Amino acid sequence: MRKRLLVAGAILTLAAAGAAHAGSVVDPTGDFLPTYAGNHDADLDVTKFSVTFDGATNLFTLNATFAGAIDPLKAGLYVFGVNTGTGVNHPFGAGGNPDTGNGNVLFNQVFVVQKSGAATLGGQTLATTISGADLGVIVPLNLLPSTGFDPGQYGWNLWPRNGVGGNNTQISDFAPNNATLQAVPEPATWAMMLLGFGGLGAILRRRRTATTAAQPA
């Protein structure tokens, strides 16, 4: 029994460690790329980016904060790169930018969110919210089917641009820098792990009580 409890505890510990993905990143204010040739508008400067995956609803929630309120009257848009398992595209690695120099911004799909909030993926409209400097996007998992990764392993990166086209001098910032972000577990997953730890503790307490009671006086 003791061995089973130790194994259960190890599994719960590993589950907690595996679930602790880097689901949020803070990006410095004013760190426009040295190759960026556009205006340094505050709403093209990412200061925070986070991703959460809800396994109960199969929805990703993306949230980004910028250095200033999003202004649809100014040029710009937001590109989200996603690696679902076969990400081999890293066209930014040779640019000499500290944000992308090692080519670790890997993706195999992208979608764009306009400053108006308009966004589509696979021909489907995405739900978005814009409030001041904050942008939120809901992405159903079925629009991003896996090509090898579990949903919690998907890699995400956000890069604002001041225009469309293939010219990388239009890219103002990256979040995260030279990396991709994985989703944090949904609240239900954390709740299940906490219940598991609580149940394990209760079992251990009962076993200690029973052992004490069984000892001869």
N, C-alpha and C. Protein backbone atom coordinates (compact mmCIF):
# COMPACT_ATOMS: atom_id res chain seq x y z
N MET A 1 0.84 -1.21 0.00
CA MET A 1 0.00 0.00 0.00
C MET A 1 0.87 1.26 0.00
N ARG A 2 1.92 1.22 0.87
CA ARG A 2 2.79 2.39 0.95
C ARG A 2 3.44 2.67 -0.40
N LYS A 3 3.83 1.59 -1.11
CA LYS A 3 4.45 1.77 -2.41
C LYS A 3 3.49 2.42 -3.39
N ARG A 4 2.21 1.99 -3.33
CA ARG A 4 1.22 2.58 -4.23
C ARG A 4 1.02 4.06 -3.94
N LEU A 5 1.03 4.40 -2.64
CA LEU A 5 0.88 5.81 -2.27
C LEU A 5 2.05 6.64 -2.77
N LEU A 6 3.27 6.09 -2.64
CA LEU A 6 4.43 6.82 -3.12
C LEU A 6 4.38 7.00 -4.63
N VAL A 7 3.95 5.96 -5.33
CA VAL A 7 3.81 6.07 -6.78
C VAL A 7 2.77 7.11 -7.14
N ALA A 8 1.63 7.09 -6.42
CA ALA A 8 0.58 8.07 -6.70
C ALA A 8 1.09 9.48 -6.46
N GLY A 9 1.85 9.65 -5.36
CA GLY A 9 2.40 10.97 -5.08
C GLY A 9 3.36 11.43 -6.16
N ALA A 10 4.18 10.52 -6.65
CA ALA A 10 5.12 10.87 -7.72
C ALA A 10 4.40 11.26 -8.99
N ILE A 11 3.32 10.53 -9.31
CA ILE A 11 2.54 10.85 -10.51
C ILE A 11 1.93 12.23 -10.41
N LEU A 12 1.36 12.54 -9.23
CA LEU A 12 0.75 13.86 -9.04
C LEU A 12 1.80 14.96 -9.13
N THR A 13 2.98 14.70 -8.57
CA THR A 13 4.04 15.70 -8.63
C THR A 13 4.47 15.94 -10.06
N LEU A 14 4.63 14.87 -10.84
CA LEU A 14 5.01 15.01 -12.24
C LEU A 14 3.93 15.72 -13.03
N ALA A 15 2.67 15.40 -12.71
CA ALA A 15 1.57 16.06 -13.42
C ALA A 15 1.59 17.55 -13.16
N ALA A 16 1.82 17.92 -11.91
CA ALA A 16 1.88 19.35 -11.59
C ALA A 16 3.03 20.02 -12.30
N ALA A 17 4.19 19.35 -12.32
CA ALA A 17 5.35 19.94 -13.00
C ALA A 17 5.10 20.06 -14.49
N GLY A 18 4.48 19.03 -15.09
CA GLY A 18 4.23 19.06 -16.52
C GLY A 18 3.20 20.09 -16.90
N ALA A 19 2.27 20.38 -15.97
CA ALA A 19 1.21 21.33 -16.28
C ALA A 19 1.69 22.77 -16.18
N ALA A 20 2.81 22.99 -15.51
CA ALA A 20 3.27 24.35 -15.26
C ALA A 20 3.99 24.91 -16.48
N HIS A 21 3.28 24.98 -17.60
CA HIS A 21 3.85 25.55 -18.81
C HIS A 21 4.02 27.06 -18.65
N ALA A 22 4.93 27.61 -19.44
CA ALA A 22 5.14 29.06 -19.43
C ALA A 22 4.02 29.71 -20.21
N GLY A 23 2.85 29.84 -19.57
CA GLY A 23 1.66 30.31 -20.28
C GLY A 23 1.54 31.81 -20.38
N SER A 24 2.47 32.54 -19.79
CA SER A 24 2.39 33.99 -19.84
C SER A 24 3.80 34.56 -19.92
N VAL A 25 3.96 35.60 -20.71
CA VAL A 25 5.27 36.23 -20.83
C VAL A 25 5.09 37.75 -20.77
N VAL A 26 5.98 38.40 -20.06
CA VAL A 26 6.02 39.86 -20.00
C VAL A 26 7.12 40.34 -20.93
N ASP A 27 6.80 41.29 -21.78
CA ASP A 27 7.74 41.78 -22.77
C ASP A 27 8.07 43.25 -22.46
N PRO A 28 9.34 43.63 -22.56
CA PRO A 28 9.71 45.01 -22.21
C PRO A 28 8.99 46.05 -23.07
N THR A 29 8.69 47.17 -22.46
CA THR A 29 8.08 48.28 -23.19
C THR A 29 9.15 48.99 -24.03
N GLY A 30 8.78 49.30 -25.27
CA GLY A 30 9.68 50.06 -26.12
C GLY A 30 10.74 49.25 -26.83
N ASP A 31 10.62 47.92 -26.80
CA ASP A 31 11.66 47.09 -27.43
C ASP A 31 11.33 46.80 -28.90
N PHE A 32 11.13 47.85 -29.67
CA PHE A 32 10.87 47.67 -31.10
C PHE A 32 12.10 47.04 -31.76
N LEU A 33 11.84 46.17 -32.74
CA LEU A 33 12.94 45.50 -33.42
C LEU A 33 13.85 46.51 -34.11
N PRO A 34 15.15 46.26 -34.12
CA PRO A 34 16.06 47.19 -34.80
C PRO A 34 15.83 47.24 -36.31
N THR A 35 15.19 46.20 -36.85
CA THR A 35 14.91 46.17 -38.29
C THR A 35 13.55 46.78 -38.63
N TYR A 36 12.79 47.15 -37.62
CA TYR A 36 11.45 47.70 -37.86
C TYR A 36 11.55 49.10 -38.44
N ALA A 37 10.81 49.32 -39.54
CA ALA A 37 10.94 50.59 -40.26
C ALA A 37 9.71 51.49 -40.11
N GLY A 38 8.76 51.10 -39.26
CA GLY A 38 7.53 51.88 -39.15
C GLY A 38 7.51 52.81 -37.95
N ASN A 39 6.36 53.46 -37.76
CA ASN A 39 6.16 54.34 -36.61
C ASN A 39 6.13 53.52 -35.32
N HIS A 40 6.68 54.07 -34.26
CA HIS A 40 6.70 53.38 -32.97
C HIS A 40 5.40 53.62 -32.22
N ASP A 41 4.31 53.16 -32.80
CA ASP A 41 3.00 53.30 -32.16
C ASP A 41 2.90 52.35 -30.98
N ALA A 42 2.33 52.84 -29.89
CA ALA A 42 2.27 52.05 -28.65
C ALA A 42 1.48 50.77 -28.82
N ASP A 43 0.47 50.77 -29.71
CA ASP A 43 -0.34 49.56 -29.86
C ASP A 43 0.31 48.52 -30.77
N LEU A 44 1.56 48.75 -31.16
CA LEU A 44 2.35 47.75 -31.87
C LEU A 44 3.50 47.25 -31.00
N ASP A 45 3.45 47.57 -29.73
CA ASP A 45 4.49 47.19 -28.77
C ASP A 45 3.87 46.27 -27.73
N VAL A 46 4.13 44.96 -27.84
CA VAL A 46 3.55 43.98 -26.91
C VAL A 46 4.23 44.11 -25.55
N THR A 47 3.43 44.12 -24.49
CA THR A 47 4.00 44.13 -23.14
C THR A 47 3.65 42.87 -22.36
N LYS A 48 2.62 42.14 -22.82
CA LYS A 48 2.27 40.88 -22.14
C LYS A 48 1.48 40.01 -23.11
N PHE A 49 1.72 38.69 -23.03
CA PHE A 49 1.03 37.73 -23.89
C PHE A 49 0.82 36.45 -23.09
N SER A 50 -0.40 35.92 -23.13
CA SER A 50 -0.69 34.69 -22.40
C SER A 50 -1.63 33.80 -23.21
N VAL A 51 -1.55 32.48 -22.95
CA VAL A 51 -2.39 31.50 -23.62
C VAL A 51 -2.89 30.50 -22.58
N THR A 52 -4.19 30.21 -22.60
CA THR A 52 -4.79 29.21 -21.73
C THR A 52 -5.58 28.23 -22.58
N PHE A 53 -5.52 26.94 -22.23
CA PHE A 53 -6.32 25.94 -22.93
C PHE A 53 -7.30 25.31 -21.96
N ASP A 54 -8.58 25.28 -22.34
CA ASP A 54 -9.64 24.66 -21.55
C ASP A 54 -10.02 23.33 -22.18
N GLY A 55 -9.62 22.24 -21.55
CA GLY A 55 -9.89 20.92 -22.10
C GLY A 55 -11.36 20.55 -22.06
N ALA A 56 -12.16 21.20 -21.20
CA ALA A 56 -13.58 20.89 -21.13
C ALA A 56 -14.34 21.44 -22.33
N THR A 57 -13.90 22.59 -22.81
CA THR A 57 -14.58 23.22 -23.96
C THR A 57 -13.75 23.16 -25.23
N ASN A 58 -12.49 22.68 -25.10
CA ASN A 58 -11.56 22.64 -26.24
C ASN A 58 -11.38 24.01 -26.88
N LEU A 59 -11.14 24.98 -26.01
CA LEU A 59 -10.93 26.36 -26.47
C LEU A 59 -9.60 26.90 -25.95
N PHE A 60 -8.89 27.58 -26.83
CA PHE A 60 -7.73 28.36 -26.42
C PHE A 60 -8.18 29.80 -26.18
N THR A 61 -7.67 30.41 -25.12
CA THR A 61 -7.91 31.83 -24.86
C THR A 61 -6.58 32.55 -24.91
N LEU A 62 -6.47 33.48 -25.83
CA LEU A 62 -5.25 34.26 -26.00
C LEU A 62 -5.51 35.68 -25.51
N ASN A 63 -4.60 36.20 -24.73
CA ASN A 63 -4.71 37.58 -24.25
C ASN A 63 -3.39 38.31 -24.46
N ALA A 64 -3.48 39.50 -25.00
CA ALA A 64 -2.29 40.32 -25.23
C ALA A 64 -2.54 41.74 -24.72
N THR A 65 -1.51 42.32 -24.16
CA THR A 65 -1.57 43.70 -23.71
C THR A 65 -0.47 44.48 -24.41
N PHE A 66 -0.79 45.69 -24.81
CA PHE A 66 0.16 46.53 -25.54
C PHE A 66 0.49 47.78 -24.73
N ALA A 67 1.48 48.52 -25.16
CA ALA A 67 1.95 49.68 -24.41
C ALA A 67 0.96 50.83 -24.44
N GLY A 68 -0.02 50.77 -25.34
CA GLY A 68 -1.03 51.81 -25.43
C GLY A 68 -2.31 51.26 -26.02
N ALA A 69 -3.38 52.04 -25.95
CA ALA A 69 -4.68 51.60 -26.43
C ALA A 69 -4.64 51.27 -27.92
N ILE A 70 -5.32 50.19 -28.30
CA ILE A 70 -5.38 49.78 -29.70
C ILE A 70 -6.19 50.80 -30.48
N ASP A 71 -5.59 51.33 -31.53
CA ASP A 71 -6.21 52.39 -32.32
C ASP A 71 -6.46 51.91 -33.74
N PRO A 72 -7.71 51.59 -34.08
CA PRO A 72 -8.01 51.08 -35.42
C PRO A 72 -7.81 52.11 -36.53
N LEU A 73 -7.63 53.36 -36.15
CA LEU A 73 -7.41 54.40 -37.16
C LEU A 73 -5.95 54.46 -37.60
N LYS A 74 -5.08 53.76 -36.88
CA LYS A 74 -3.67 53.69 -37.26
C LYS A 74 -3.37 52.35 -37.90
N ALA A 75 -2.41 52.34 -38.81
CA ALA A 75 -2.06 51.11 -39.52
C ALA A 75 -1.54 50.07 -38.54
N GLY A 76 -1.87 48.82 -38.83
CA GLY A 76 -1.33 47.75 -38.00
C GLY A 76 -2.28 46.57 -37.90
N LEU A 77 -1.72 45.44 -37.55
CA LEU A 77 -2.48 44.20 -37.35
C LEU A 77 -1.64 43.28 -36.48
N TYR A 78 -2.25 42.17 -36.03
CA TYR A 78 -1.59 41.26 -35.11
C TYR A 78 -1.59 39.85 -35.69
N VAL A 79 -0.38 39.31 -35.86
CA VAL A 79 -0.23 37.97 -36.42
C VAL A 79 0.11 37.00 -35.29
N PHE A 80 -0.63 35.90 -35.24
CA PHE A 80 -0.36 34.86 -34.27
C PHE A 80 0.16 33.63 -35.02
N GLY A 81 1.36 33.19 -34.65
CA GLY A 81 1.92 31.97 -35.22
C GLY A 81 1.69 30.81 -34.28
N VAL A 82 1.35 29.63 -34.83
CA VAL A 82 1.03 28.46 -34.02
C VAL A 82 1.82 27.27 -34.53
N ASN A 83 2.44 26.54 -33.61
CA ASN A 83 3.11 25.29 -33.94
C ASN A 83 2.28 24.16 -33.33
N THR A 84 1.60 23.39 -34.17
CA THR A 84 0.76 22.29 -33.69
C THR A 84 1.51 20.96 -33.70
N GLY A 85 2.81 21.01 -34.00
CA GLY A 85 3.61 19.79 -33.95
C GLY A 85 4.60 19.65 -35.08
N THR A 86 4.35 20.33 -36.18
CA THR A 86 5.26 20.21 -37.32
C THR A 86 5.78 21.58 -37.74
N GLY A 87 5.97 22.45 -36.75
CA GLY A 87 6.43 23.80 -37.06
C GLY A 87 7.84 23.81 -37.61
N VAL A 88 7.98 24.17 -38.85
CA VAL A 88 9.30 24.25 -39.48
C VAL A 88 9.57 25.64 -40.05
N ASN A 89 8.56 26.48 -40.06
CA ASN A 89 8.73 27.83 -40.59
C ASN A 89 9.38 28.72 -39.54
N HIS A 90 10.54 29.21 -39.82
CA HIS A 90 11.19 30.18 -38.94
C HIS A 90 11.92 31.20 -39.81
N PRO A 91 11.14 32.00 -40.55
CA PRO A 91 11.75 32.92 -41.52
C PRO A 91 12.44 34.12 -40.88
N PHE A 92 12.41 34.22 -39.55
CA PHE A 92 12.96 35.40 -38.89
C PHE A 92 14.36 35.14 -38.34
N GLY A 93 14.84 33.91 -38.39
CA GLY A 93 16.09 33.55 -37.74
C GLY A 93 17.32 34.21 -38.32
N ALA A 94 17.27 34.54 -39.60
CA ALA A 94 18.46 35.11 -40.24
C ALA A 94 18.47 36.63 -40.21
N GLY A 95 17.52 37.23 -39.52
CA GLY A 95 17.41 38.68 -39.55
C GLY A 95 18.37 39.41 -38.65
N GLY A 96 19.06 38.68 -37.78
CA GLY A 96 19.99 39.33 -36.87
C GLY A 96 19.32 40.02 -35.70
N ASN A 97 18.01 39.78 -35.50
CA ASN A 97 17.32 40.40 -34.38
C ASN A 97 17.50 39.57 -33.12
N PRO A 98 17.74 40.20 -31.99
CA PRO A 98 17.86 39.44 -30.74
C PRO A 98 16.57 38.70 -30.41
N ASP A 99 15.43 39.20 -30.90
CA ASP A 99 14.15 38.55 -30.63
C ASP A 99 14.00 37.23 -31.37
N THR A 100 14.75 37.04 -32.46
CA THR A 100 14.52 35.88 -33.32
C THR A 100 15.80 35.24 -33.83
N GLY A 101 16.95 35.67 -33.32
CA GLY A 101 18.22 35.31 -33.92
C GLY A 101 18.52 33.84 -34.08
N ASN A 102 18.01 32.98 -33.18
CA ASN A 102 18.30 31.56 -33.27
C ASN A 102 17.23 30.77 -34.03
N GLY A 103 16.26 31.48 -34.57
CA GLY A 103 15.24 30.80 -35.36
C GLY A 103 14.29 29.94 -34.55
N ASN A 104 14.01 30.34 -33.31
CA ASN A 104 13.14 29.54 -32.45
C ASN A 104 11.68 29.94 -32.52
N VAL A 105 11.33 30.88 -33.38
CA VAL A 105 9.92 31.21 -33.58
C VAL A 105 9.38 30.25 -34.64
N LEU A 106 8.99 29.05 -34.21
CA LEU A 106 8.55 27.99 -35.11
C LEU A 106 7.03 28.00 -35.22
N PHE A 107 6.52 27.82 -36.43
CA PHE A 107 5.07 27.77 -36.61
C PHE A 107 4.75 27.03 -37.89
N ASN A 108 3.55 26.47 -37.93
CA ASN A 108 3.06 25.86 -39.16
C ASN A 108 1.70 26.42 -39.57
N GLN A 109 1.15 27.31 -38.74
CA GLN A 109 -0.09 28.00 -39.09
C GLN A 109 -0.03 29.41 -38.54
N VAL A 110 -0.74 30.30 -39.20
CA VAL A 110 -0.87 31.67 -38.71
C VAL A 110 -2.31 32.15 -38.90
N PHE A 111 -2.70 33.10 -38.09
CA PHE A 111 -3.95 33.82 -38.33
C PHE A 111 -3.74 35.26 -37.90
N VAL A 112 -4.57 36.13 -38.43
CA VAL A 112 -4.40 37.57 -38.25
C VAL A 112 -5.61 38.15 -37.54
N VAL A 113 -5.36 39.04 -36.59
CA VAL A 113 -6.42 39.81 -35.95
C VAL A 113 -6.21 41.27 -36.31
N GLN A 114 -7.23 41.86 -36.91
CA GLN A 114 -7.16 43.28 -37.26
C GLN A 114 -7.40 44.14 -36.03
N LYS A 115 -6.99 45.41 -36.11
CA LYS A 115 -7.22 46.32 -34.99
C LYS A 115 -8.70 46.58 -34.74
N SER A 116 -9.53 46.28 -35.73
CA SER A 116 -10.98 46.40 -35.55
C SER A 116 -11.54 45.24 -34.76
N GLY A 117 -10.73 44.18 -34.58
CA GLY A 117 -11.19 42.97 -33.92
C GLY A 117 -11.57 41.86 -34.88
N ALA A 118 -11.63 42.16 -36.17
CA ALA A 118 -11.98 41.15 -37.17
C ALA A 118 -10.88 40.10 -37.26
N ALA A 119 -11.30 38.82 -37.26
CA ALA A 119 -10.33 37.73 -37.33
C ALA A 119 -11.03 36.47 -37.83
N THR A 120 -10.35 35.72 -38.68
CA THR A 120 -10.87 34.44 -39.16
C THR A 120 -9.74 33.42 -39.14
N LEU A 121 -10.14 32.16 -39.06
CA LEU A 121 -9.20 31.04 -39.13
C LEU A 121 -9.92 29.88 -39.80
N GLY A 122 -9.35 29.37 -40.88
CA GLY A 122 -9.99 28.29 -41.60
C GLY A 122 -11.37 28.65 -42.12
N GLY A 123 -11.55 29.92 -42.46
CA GLY A 123 -12.84 30.38 -42.95
C GLY A 123 -13.87 30.65 -41.87
N GLN A 124 -13.50 30.42 -40.61
CA GLN A 124 -14.41 30.64 -39.49
C GLN A 124 -14.05 31.94 -38.75
N THR A 125 -15.06 32.69 -38.35
CA THR A 125 -14.85 33.92 -37.60
C THR A 125 -14.47 33.60 -36.16
N LEU A 126 -13.43 34.27 -35.67
CA LEU A 126 -13.00 34.09 -34.29
C LEU A 126 -13.63 35.15 -33.40
N ALA A 127 -13.94 34.76 -32.17
CA ALA A 127 -14.46 35.72 -31.19
C ALA A 127 -13.30 36.51 -30.61
N THR A 128 -13.38 37.83 -30.68
CA THR A 128 -12.33 38.69 -30.16
C THR A 128 -12.92 39.78 -29.28
N THR A 129 -12.11 40.29 -28.38
CA THR A 129 -12.50 41.44 -27.57
C THR A 129 -11.33 42.42 -27.54
N ILE A 130 -11.65 43.70 -27.63
CA ILE A 130 -10.65 44.75 -27.52
C ILE A 130 -11.13 45.75 -26.49
N SER A 131 -10.29 46.00 -25.50
CA SER A 131 -10.62 46.97 -24.46
C SER A 131 -9.36 47.75 -24.13
N GLY A 132 -9.30 48.98 -24.61
CA GLY A 132 -8.10 49.78 -24.39
C GLY A 132 -6.89 49.13 -25.01
N ALA A 133 -5.91 48.80 -24.17
CA ALA A 133 -4.67 48.20 -24.65
C ALA A 133 -4.71 46.67 -24.65
N ASP A 134 -5.87 46.08 -24.32
CA ASP A 134 -5.98 44.63 -24.18
C ASP A 134 -6.72 44.01 -25.35
N LEU A 135 -6.18 42.89 -25.82
CA LEU A 135 -6.79 42.12 -26.92
C LEU A 135 -6.99 40.69 -26.46
N GLY A 136 -8.19 40.18 -26.66
CA GLY A 136 -8.50 38.79 -26.34
C GLY A 136 -9.02 38.06 -27.56
N VAL A 137 -8.62 36.79 -27.71
CA VAL A 137 -9.05 35.98 -28.85
C VAL A 137 -9.39 34.58 -28.35
N ILE A 138 -10.52 34.04 -28.80
CA ILE A 138 -10.92 32.67 -28.50
C ILE A 138 -10.72 31.83 -29.76
N VAL A 139 -9.96 30.73 -29.64
CA VAL A 139 -9.67 29.88 -30.79
C VAL A 139 -10.10 28.45 -30.49
N PRO A 140 -11.10 27.92 -31.20
CA PRO A 140 -11.51 26.53 -31.00
C PRO A 140 -10.42 25.56 -31.46
N LEU A 141 -10.24 24.50 -30.70
CA LEU A 141 -9.21 23.53 -31.03
C LEU A 141 -9.43 22.89 -32.40
N ASN A 142 -10.70 22.71 -32.79
CA ASN A 142 -10.97 22.03 -34.07
C ASN A 142 -10.50 22.85 -35.28
N LEU A 143 -10.21 24.14 -35.07
CA LEU A 143 -9.66 24.95 -36.15
C LEU A 143 -8.14 24.83 -36.23
N LEU A 144 -7.55 24.21 -35.21
CA LEU A 144 -6.10 24.00 -35.18
C LEU A 144 -5.83 22.53 -34.82
N PRO A 145 -6.18 21.60 -35.70
CA PRO A 145 -5.97 20.18 -35.38
C PRO A 145 -4.50 19.86 -35.20
N SER A 146 -4.23 18.94 -34.30
CA SER A 146 -2.85 18.58 -33.97
C SER A 146 -2.14 17.94 -35.15
N THR A 147 -0.85 18.24 -35.27
CA THR A 147 0.01 17.55 -36.22
C THR A 147 1.15 16.86 -35.46
N GLY A 148 0.87 16.52 -34.21
CA GLY A 148 1.86 15.81 -33.41
C GLY A 148 1.88 16.21 -31.95
N PHE A 149 1.46 17.45 -31.64
CA PHE A 149 1.48 17.93 -30.26
C PHE A 149 0.12 17.75 -29.61
N ASP A 150 0.11 17.56 -28.28
CA ASP A 150 -1.10 17.73 -27.50
C ASP A 150 -1.41 19.23 -27.44
N PRO A 151 -2.67 19.60 -27.22
CA PRO A 151 -3.00 21.04 -27.20
C PRO A 151 -2.16 21.85 -26.23
N GLY A 152 -1.82 21.27 -25.08
CA GLY A 152 -1.00 21.99 -24.11
C GLY A 152 0.43 22.18 -24.55
N GLN A 153 0.83 21.45 -25.61
CA GLN A 153 2.19 21.57 -26.12
C GLN A 153 2.29 22.55 -27.30
N TYR A 154 1.15 22.99 -27.82
CA TYR A 154 1.20 23.90 -28.95
C TYR A 154 2.07 25.10 -28.62
N GLY A 155 2.84 25.54 -29.60
CA GLY A 155 3.68 26.73 -29.41
C GLY A 155 3.02 27.94 -30.05
N TRP A 156 3.06 29.07 -29.36
CA TRP A 156 2.39 30.30 -29.81
C TRP A 156 3.38 31.45 -29.80
N ASN A 157 3.23 32.33 -30.77
CA ASN A 157 4.00 33.56 -30.80
C ASN A 157 3.14 34.65 -31.43
N LEU A 158 3.34 35.86 -30.96
CA LEU A 158 2.59 37.02 -31.46
C LEU A 158 3.56 38.03 -32.01
N TRP A 159 3.28 38.50 -33.24
CA TRP A 159 4.10 39.58 -33.79
C TRP A 159 3.20 40.62 -34.47
N PRO A 160 3.15 41.84 -33.92
CA PRO A 160 2.43 42.94 -34.56
C PRO A 160 3.16 43.40 -35.82
N ARG A 161 2.38 43.89 -36.75
CA ARG A 161 2.93 44.46 -37.98
C ARG A 161 2.22 45.79 -38.26
N ASN A 162 2.91 46.67 -38.97
CA ASN A 162 2.24 47.92 -39.34
C ASN A 162 1.69 47.86 -40.75
N GLY A 163 1.68 46.66 -41.37
CA GLY A 163 1.11 46.50 -42.70
C GLY A 163 1.13 45.05 -43.12
N VAL A 164 0.52 44.76 -44.25
CA VAL A 164 0.47 43.41 -44.78
C VAL A 164 1.60 43.21 -45.78
N GLY A 165 1.83 41.95 -46.11
CA GLY A 165 2.89 41.66 -47.08
C GLY A 165 4.02 40.86 -46.44
N GLY A 166 5.01 40.52 -47.24
CA GLY A 166 6.09 39.67 -46.76
C GLY A 166 7.31 40.41 -46.28
N ASN A 167 7.23 41.71 -46.15
CA ASN A 167 8.40 42.50 -45.75
C ASN A 167 8.55 42.46 -44.23
N ASN A 168 9.61 41.82 -43.74
CA ASN A 168 9.80 41.69 -42.30
C ASN A 168 10.13 43.00 -41.60
N THR A 169 10.45 44.04 -42.34
CA THR A 169 10.69 45.34 -41.71
C THR A 169 9.40 45.96 -41.20
N GLN A 170 8.27 45.33 -41.52
CA GLN A 170 6.98 45.79 -41.00
C GLN A 170 6.67 45.21 -39.62
N ILE A 171 7.46 44.24 -39.17
CA ILE A 171 7.23 43.60 -37.88
C ILE A 171 7.85 44.45 -36.79
N SER A 172 7.04 44.81 -35.79
CA SER A 172 7.51 45.74 -34.77
C SER A 172 8.04 45.06 -33.51
N ASP A 173 7.52 43.86 -33.19
CA ASP A 173 7.86 43.24 -31.91
C ASP A 173 7.54 41.76 -31.98
N PHE A 174 8.08 40.98 -31.06
CA PHE A 174 7.75 39.57 -30.91
C PHE A 174 7.47 39.27 -29.45
N ALA A 175 6.51 38.39 -29.20
CA ALA A 175 6.26 37.91 -27.84
C ALA A 175 5.85 36.44 -27.91
N PRO A 176 6.63 35.55 -27.28
CA PRO A 176 7.89 35.84 -26.60
C PRO A 176 9.03 36.03 -27.58
N ASN A 177 10.15 36.53 -27.08
CA ASN A 177 11.33 36.74 -27.91
C ASN A 177 12.01 35.41 -28.21
N ASN A 178 12.25 35.15 -29.48
CA ASN A 178 13.01 33.99 -29.91
C ASN A 178 12.55 32.69 -29.24
N ALA A 179 11.25 32.50 -29.15
CA ALA A 179 10.70 31.31 -28.50
C ALA A 179 9.22 31.23 -28.83
N THR A 180 8.59 30.16 -28.37
CA THR A 180 7.14 30.06 -28.43
C THR A 180 6.60 29.80 -27.03
N LEU A 181 5.33 30.10 -26.86
CA LEU A 181 4.67 30.03 -25.56
C LEU A 181 3.73 28.83 -25.55
N GLN A 182 3.69 28.09 -24.45
CA GLN A 182 2.74 27.00 -24.30
C GLN A 182 1.61 27.43 -23.38
N ALA A 183 0.45 26.80 -23.58
CA ALA A 183 -0.73 27.17 -22.80
C ALA A 183 -0.61 26.67 -21.37
N VAL A 184 -1.16 27.46 -20.43
CA VAL A 184 -1.31 26.97 -19.06
C VAL A 184 -2.54 26.07 -19.04
N PRO A 185 -2.59 25.13 -18.07
CA PRO A 185 -3.77 24.26 -17.98
C PRO A 185 -5.00 25.07 -17.60
N GLU A 186 -6.17 24.57 -17.99
CA GLU A 186 -7.41 25.22 -17.62
C GLU A 186 -7.63 25.08 -16.12
N PRO A 187 -8.43 25.96 -15.51
CA PRO A 187 -8.66 25.88 -14.06
C PRO A 187 -9.12 24.51 -13.59
N ALA A 188 -9.91 23.80 -14.41
CA ALA A 188 -10.40 22.48 -14.00
C ALA A 188 -9.25 21.51 -13.79
N THR A 189 -8.19 21.63 -14.60
CA THR A 189 -7.05 20.74 -14.45
C THR A 189 -6.34 21.00 -13.13
N TRP A 190 -6.16 22.28 -12.79
CA TRP A 190 -5.54 22.59 -11.50
C TRP A 190 -6.41 22.08 -10.36
N ALA A 191 -7.73 22.23 -10.50
CA ALA A 191 -8.64 21.76 -9.45
C ALA A 191 -8.52 20.26 -9.25
N MET A 192 -8.44 19.51 -10.34
CA MET A 192 -8.31 18.06 -10.24
C MET A 192 -7.01 17.68 -9.55
N MET A 193 -5.91 18.39 -9.87
CA MET A 193 -4.64 18.07 -9.24
C MET A 193 -4.67 18.41 -7.75
N LEU A 194 -5.31 19.53 -7.39
CA LEU A 194 -5.41 19.89 -5.98
C LEU A 194 -6.25 18.88 -5.22
N LEU A 195 -7.34 18.40 -5.84
CA LEU A 195 -8.16 17.37 -5.20
C LEU A 195 -7.34 16.10 -5.03
N GLY A 196 -6.52 15.79 -6.02
CA GLY A 196 -5.68 14.60 -5.93
C GLY A 196 -4.70 14.69 -4.78
N PHE A 197 -4.06 15.85 -4.63
CA PHE A 197 -3.14 16.05 -3.52
C PHE A 197 -3.88 15.98 -2.18
N GLY A 198 -5.07 16.59 -2.14
CA GLY A 198 -5.86 16.55 -0.91
C GLY A 198 -6.26 15.13 -0.54
N GLY A 199 -6.68 14.35 -1.55
CA GLY A 199 -7.06 12.97 -1.30
C GLY A 199 -5.89 12.14 -0.83
N LEU A 200 -4.73 12.36 -1.43
CA LEU A 200 -3.53 11.63 -1.03
C LEU A 200 -3.16 11.96 0.40
N GLY A 201 -3.28 13.23 0.78
CA GLY A 201 -2.98 13.62 2.16
C GLY A 201 -3.93 12.98 3.15
N ALA A 202 -5.22 12.91 2.79
CA ALA A 202 -6.20 12.29 3.67
C ALA A 202 -5.90 10.82 3.88
N ILE A 203 -5.50 10.13 2.80
CA ILE A 203 -5.17 8.70 2.91
C ILE A 203 -3.98 8.50 3.84
N LEU A 204 -2.96 9.35 3.65
CA LEU A 204 -1.77 9.24 4.50
C LEU A 204 -2.10 9.50 5.96
N ARG A 205 -2.98 10.49 6.23
CA ARG A 205 -3.37 10.78 7.61
C ARG A 205 -4.12 9.60 8.23
N ARG A 206 -5.02 8.99 7.45
CA ARG A 206 -5.78 7.85 7.97
C ARG A 206 -4.85 6.69 8.28
N ARG A 207 -3.86 6.47 7.40
CA ARG A 207 -2.92 5.37 7.61
C ARG A 207 -2.09 5.60 8.87
N ARG A 208 -1.66 6.87 9.10
CA ARG A 208 -0.89 7.14 10.30
C ARG A 208 -1.73 6.92 11.56
N THR A 209 -3.00 7.34 11.51
CA THR A 209 -3.90 7.15 12.65
C THR A 209 -4.11 5.68 12.92
N ALA A 210 -4.33 4.91 11.87
CA ALA A 210 -4.57 3.47 12.04
C ALA A 210 -3.33 2.78 12.59
N THR A 211 -2.16 3.17 12.14
CA THR A 211 -0.92 2.57 12.60
C THR A 211 -0.70 2.86 14.08
N THR A 212 -0.98 4.11 14.47
CA THR A 212 -0.83 4.50 15.87
C THR A 212 -1.78 3.72 16.76
N ALA A 213 -3.01 3.57 16.28
CA ALA A 213 -4.02 2.86 17.08
C ALA A 213 -3.68 1.39 17.23
N ALA A 214 -2.99 0.83 16.24
CA ALA A 214 -2.69 -0.59 16.25
C ALA A 214 -1.48 -0.92 17.11
N GLN A 215 -0.69 0.09 17.50
CA GLN A 215 0.50 -0.17 18.29
C GLN A 215 0.11 -0.57 19.72
N PRO A 216 0.81 -1.58 20.31
CA PRO A 216 0.48 -2.01 21.68
C PRO A 216 0.78 -0.93 22.70
N ALA A 217 -0.01 -0.86 23.74
CA ALA A 217 0.16 0.16 24.77
C ALA A 217 1.39 -0.15 25.61
